[in-house]
């Protein structure tokens, strides 16, 4: 998980609106300071951002993602999956999320348009915090 996946993620954002880039920067800055969260990037979907709990926090060897997100260039939306259910995301003011398939370890997915990535970064960060704590609560005894 080196610099190339992050470069690919950032390349997807080159032509994105400034507010969309700021949305991702806000998420990265918020979680990057935390010991209980690892911000990392993969080449999935041409480059995505992932928020994970480090394995040592859970007594495991590998990272466990509680959220993934990327910029969908053709639709001009932020696509995200989180550990929260669609109902829980709705409680945080994140509308229109749906349940993922049973084979997906994350519980909801949502496509967030300009109303969220322009004005709702803090709202979504609060939802991501809840996803982090929910994930920790579920896995602390496993």
C-alpha atoms as a PDB file:
ATOM      1  CA  UNK A   1       0.000   0.000   0.000  1.00  0.00           C
ATOM      2  CA  UNK A   2       2.457   2.571  -1.182  1.00  0.00           C
ATOM      3  CA  UNK A   3       2.328   5.841  -3.019  1.00  0.00           C
ATOM      4  CA  UNK A   4       0.972   4.540  -6.341  1.00  0.00           C
ATOM      5  CA  UNK A   5      -2.577   3.815  -5.052  1.00  0.00           C
ATOM      6  CA  UNK A   6      -2.687   7.279  -3.441  1.00  0.00           C
ATOM      7  CA  UNK A   7      -1.445   8.837  -6.688  1.00  0.00           C
ATOM      8  CA  UNK A   8      -4.191   6.994  -8.591  1.00  0.00           C
ATOM      9  CA  UNK A   9      -6.787   8.189  -6.073  1.00  0.00           C
ATOM     10  CA  UNK A  10      -5.590  11.775  -6.420  1.00  0.00           C
ATOM     11  CA  UNK A  11      -5.498  11.493 -10.233  1.00  0.00           C
ATOM     12  CA  UNK A  12      -9.235  10.699 -10.187  1.00  0.00           C
ATOM     13  CA  UNK A  13      -9.777  14.013  -8.377  1.00  0.00           C
ATOM     14  CA  UNK A  14      -7.767  16.246 -10.723  1.00  0.00           C
ATOM     15  CA  UNK A  15     -10.819  17.430 -12.657  1.00  0.00           C
ATOM     16  CA  UNK A  16     -13.241  17.175  -9.711  1.00  0.00           C
ATOM     17  CA  UNK A  17     -14.779  20.360  -8.316  1.00  0.00           C
ATOM     18  CA  UNK A  18     -12.724  22.031  -5.603  1.00  0.00           C
ATOM     19  CA  UNK A  19     -15.422  21.271  -3.011  1.00  0.00           C
ATOM     20  CA  UNK A  20     -15.276  17.544  -3.821  1.00  0.00           C
ATOM     21  CA  UNK A  21     -11.509  17.537  -3.359  1.00  0.00           C
ATOM     22  CA  UNK A  22     -11.992  19.436  -0.112  1.00  0.00           C
ATOM     23  CA  UNK A  23     -14.500  16.827   1.051  1.00  0.00           C
ATOM     24  CA  UNK A  24     -11.903  14.059   0.744  1.00  0.00           C
ATOM     25  CA  UNK A  25      -9.177  16.241   2.277  1.00  0.00           C
ATOM     26  CA  UNK A  26     -11.416  16.892   5.287  1.00  0.00           C
ATOM     27  CA  UNK A  27     -12.031  13.175   5.798  1.00  0.00           C
ATOM     28  CA  UNK A  28      -8.323  12.355   5.435  1.00  0.00           C
ATOM     29  CA  UNK A  29      -7.220  15.138   7.788  1.00  0.00           C
ATOM     30  CA  UNK A  30      -9.777  14.171  10.414  1.00  0.00           C
ATOM     31  CA  UNK A  31      -8.808  10.501  10.595  1.00  0.00           C
ATOM     32  CA  UNK A  32      -5.107  10.674   9.732  1.00  0.00           C
ATOM     33  CA  UNK A  33      -4.216  11.895  13.238  1.00  0.00           C
ATOM     34  CA  UNK A  34      -5.826   8.945  14.979  1.00  0.00           C
ATOM     35  CA  UNK A  35      -3.974   5.894  16.319  1.00  0.00           C
ATOM     36  CA  UNK A  36      -7.108   3.758  16.056  1.00  0.00           C
ATOM     37  CA  UNK A  37      -7.653   4.520  12.356  1.00  0.00           C
ATOM     38  CA  UNK A  38      -5.427   3.822   9.372  1.00  0.00           C
ATOM     39  CA  UNK A  39      -6.095   5.954   6.290  1.00  0.00           C
ATOM     40  CA  UNK A  40      -4.959   4.038   3.238  1.00  0.00           C
ATOM     41  CA  UNK A  41      -5.498   3.825  -0.497  1.00  0.00           C
ATOM     42  CA  UNK A  42      -5.980   0.990  -2.972  1.00  0.00           C
ATOM     43  CA  UNK A  43      -6.222   0.743  -6.743  1.00  0.00           C
ATOM     44  CA  UNK A  44      -9.792  -0.564  -6.515  1.00  0.00           C
ATOM     45  CA  UNK A  45     -12.151   1.464  -8.727  1.00  0.00           C
ATOM     46  CA  UNK A  46      -9.139   3.243 -10.207  1.00  0.00           C
ATOM     47  CA  UNK A  47      -8.084   4.530  -6.789  1.00  0.00           C
ATOM     48  CA  UNK A  48     -10.046   4.644  -3.549  1.00  0.00           C
ATOM     49  CA  UNK A  49      -9.701   5.886   0.014  1.00  0.00           C
ATOM     50  CA  UNK A  50     -10.199   3.465   2.883  1.00  0.00           C
ATOM     51  CA  UNK A  51     -10.553   3.948   6.596  1.00  0.00           C
ATOM     52  CA  UNK A  52      -9.524   0.926   8.613  1.00  0.00           C
ATOM     53  CA  UNK A  53      -8.911  -0.221  12.132  1.00  0.00           C
ATOM     54  CA  UNK A  54      -5.297  -1.426  12.472  1.00  0.00           C
ATOM     55  CA  UNK A  55      -5.062  -5.143  13.156  1.00  0.00           C
ATOM     56  CA  UNK A  56      -3.175  -4.685  16.417  1.00  0.00           C
ATOM     57  CA  UNK A  57      -6.122  -2.702  17.844  1.00  0.00           C
ATOM     58  CA  UNK A  58      -8.299  -5.771  17.259  1.00  0.00           C
ATOM     59  CA  UNK A  59      -5.681  -8.356  18.189  1.00  0.00           C
ATOM     60  CA  UNK A  60      -5.373  -9.373  14.536  1.00  0.00           C
ATOM     61  CA  UNK A  61      -2.723  -9.095  11.862  1.00  0.00           C
ATOM     62  CA  UNK A  62      -4.551  -7.248   9.117  1.00  0.00           C
ATOM     63  CA  UNK A  63      -6.410  -3.993   8.609  1.00  0.00           C
ATOM     64  CA  UNK A  64     -10.198  -4.129   8.804  1.00  0.00           C
ATOM     65  CA  UNK A  65     -12.022  -1.447   6.801  1.00  0.00           C
ATOM     66  CA  UNK A  66     -15.004   0.363   8.276  1.00  0.00           C
ATOM     67  CA  UNK A  67     -15.416   2.703   5.270  1.00  0.00           C
ATOM     68  CA  UNK A  68     -14.331   3.027   1.647  1.00  0.00           C
ATOM     69  CA  UNK A  69     -14.948   5.880  -0.761  1.00  0.00           C
ATOM     70  CA  UNK A  70     -13.989   7.218  -4.160  1.00  0.00           C
ATOM     71  CA  UNK A  71     -14.933   9.894  -6.679  1.00  0.00           C
ATOM     72  CA  UNK A  72     -17.173   8.695  -9.510  1.00  0.00           C
ATOM     73  CA  UNK A  73     -16.001  10.984 -12.276  1.00  0.00           C
ATOM     74  CA  UNK A  74     -18.820  10.234 -14.718  1.00  0.00           C
ATOM     75  CA  UNK A  75     -21.599  10.904 -12.186  1.00  0.00           C
ATOM     76  CA  UNK A  76     -19.806  13.619 -10.184  1.00  0.00           C
ATOM     77  CA  UNK A  77     -20.634  11.875  -6.900  1.00  0.00           C
ATOM     78  CA  UNK A  78     -18.743  10.486  -3.933  1.00  0.00           C
ATOM     79  CA  UNK A  79     -19.450   6.773  -3.705  1.00  0.00           C
ATOM     80  CA  UNK A  80     -19.020   5.379  -0.193  1.00  0.00           C
ATOM     81  CA  UNK A  81     -19.560   2.167   1.708  1.00  0.00           C
ATOM     82  CA  UNK A  82     -19.660   2.129   5.500  1.00  0.00           C
ATOM     83  CA  UNK A  83     -20.093  -0.250   8.392  1.00  0.00           C
ATOM     84  CA  UNK A  84     -23.301   1.581   9.384  1.00  0.00           C
ATOM     85  CA  UNK A  85     -26.669   0.378   8.146  1.00  0.00           C
ATOM     86  CA  UNK A  86     -28.661   2.588   5.756  1.00  0.00           C
ATOM     87  CA  UNK A  87     -30.975   3.486   8.652  1.00  0.00           C
ATOM     88  CA  UNK A  88     -28.040   4.526  10.827  1.00  0.00           C
ATOM     89  CA  UNK A  89     -26.584   6.665   8.034  1.00  0.00           C
ATOM     90  CA  UNK A  90     -29.986   8.300   7.676  1.00  0.00           C
ATOM     91  CA  UNK A  91     -29.906   9.274  11.358  1.00  0.00           C
ATOM     92  CA  UNK A  92     -26.772  11.288  10.574  1.00  0.00           C
ATOM     93  CA  UNK A  93     -28.467  13.093   7.712  1.00  0.00           C
ATOM     94  CA  UNK A  94     -26.898  11.045   4.931  1.00  0.00           C
ATOM     95  CA  UNK A  95     -29.844  10.319   2.615  1.00  0.00           C
ATOM     96  CA  UNK A  96     -30.491   7.650   0.012  1.00  0.00           C
ATOM     97  CA  UNK A  97     -28.129   4.933   1.196  1.00  0.00           C
ATOM     98  CA  UNK A  98     -28.894   1.319   0.422  1.00  0.00           C
ATOM     99  CA  UNK A  99     -27.997  -2.013   1.937  1.00  0.00           C
ATOM    100  CA  UNK A 100     -25.061  -3.836   0.365  1.00  0.00           C
ATOM    101  CA  UNK A 101     -25.081  -7.462  -0.740  1.00  0.00           C
ATOM    102  CA  UNK A 102     -24.550 -10.128   1.894  1.00  0.00           C
ATOM    103  CA  UNK A 103     -21.077 -10.877   0.472  1.00  0.00           C
ATOM    104  CA  UNK A 104     -19.940  -7.292   1.190  1.00  0.00           C
ATOM    105  CA  UNK A 105     -18.466  -6.806   4.689  1.00  0.00           C
ATOM    106  CA  UNK A 106     -19.660  -3.181   4.826  1.00  0.00           C
ATOM    107  CA  UNK A 107     -23.380  -2.680   5.428  1.00  0.00           C
ATOM    108  CA  UNK A 108     -24.392   0.342   3.359  1.00  0.00           C
ATOM    109  CA  UNK A 109     -23.512   2.208   0.219  1.00  0.00           C
ATOM    110  CA  UNK A 110     -24.385   5.693  -0.872  1.00  0.00           C
ATOM    111  CA  UNK A 111     -23.766   8.056  -3.768  1.00  0.00           C
ATOM    112  CA  UNK A 112     -23.434  11.577  -2.432  1.00  0.00           C
ATOM    113  CA  UNK A 113     -24.026  14.491  -4.752  1.00  0.00           C
ATOM    114  CA  UNK A 114     -23.035  18.126  -4.489  1.00  0.00           C
ATOM    115  CA  UNK A 115     -25.357  18.858  -1.565  1.00  0.00           C
ATOM    116  CA  UNK A 116     -23.238  16.511   0.572  1.00  0.00           C
ATOM    117  CA  UNK A 117     -19.718  17.018  -0.781  1.00  0.00           C
ATOM    118  CA  UNK A 118     -20.154  20.801  -0.893  1.00  0.00           C
ATOM    119  CA  UNK A 119     -21.790  21.356   2.484  1.00  0.00           C
ATOM    120  CA  UNK A 120     -21.916  18.049   4.345  1.00  0.00           C
ATOM    121  CA  UNK A 121     -18.340  16.945   5.009  1.00  0.00           C
ATOM    122  CA  UNK A 122     -18.674  17.399   8.778  1.00  0.00           C
ATOM    123  CA  UNK A 123     -21.981  15.528   8.805  1.00  0.00           C
ATOM    124  CA  UNK A 124     -20.435  12.628   6.919  1.00  0.00           C
ATOM    125  CA  UNK A 125     -17.360  12.654   9.174  1.00  0.00           C
ATOM    126  CA  UNK A 126     -19.689  12.280  12.191  1.00  0.00           C
ATOM    127  CA  UNK A 127     -21.283   9.281  10.462  1.00  0.00           C
ATOM    128  CA  UNK A 128     -17.813   7.844   9.788  1.00  0.00           C
ATOM    129  CA  UNK A 129     -16.943   8.297  13.481  1.00  0.00           C
ATOM    130  CA  UNK A 130     -20.066   6.334  14.363  1.00  0.00           C
ATOM    131  CA  UNK A 131     -19.086   3.628  11.855  1.00  0.00           C
ATOM    132  CA  UNK A 132     -15.644   3.445  13.482  1.00  0.00           C
ATOM    133  CA  UNK A 133     -17.076   3.068  16.986  1.00  0.00           C
ATOM    134  CA  UNK A 134     -19.723   0.568  15.845  1.00  0.00           C
ATOM    135  CA  UNK A 135     -17.025  -1.490  14.157  1.00  0.00           C
ATOM    136  CA  UNK A 136     -14.820  -1.410  17.276  1.00  0.00           C
ATOM    137  CA  UNK A 137     -17.754  -2.372  19.490  1.00  0.00           C
ATOM    138  CA  UNK A 138     -18.669  -5.343  17.344  1.00  0.00           C
ATOM    139  CA  UNK A 139     -15.112  -6.619  16.996  1.00  0.00           C
ATOM    140  CA  UNK A 140     -13.602  -5.859  20.403  1.00  0.00           C
ATOM    141  CA  UNK A 141     -14.369  -9.332  21.743  1.00  0.00           C
ATOM    142  CA  UNK A 142     -13.619 -11.288  18.571  1.00  0.00           C
END
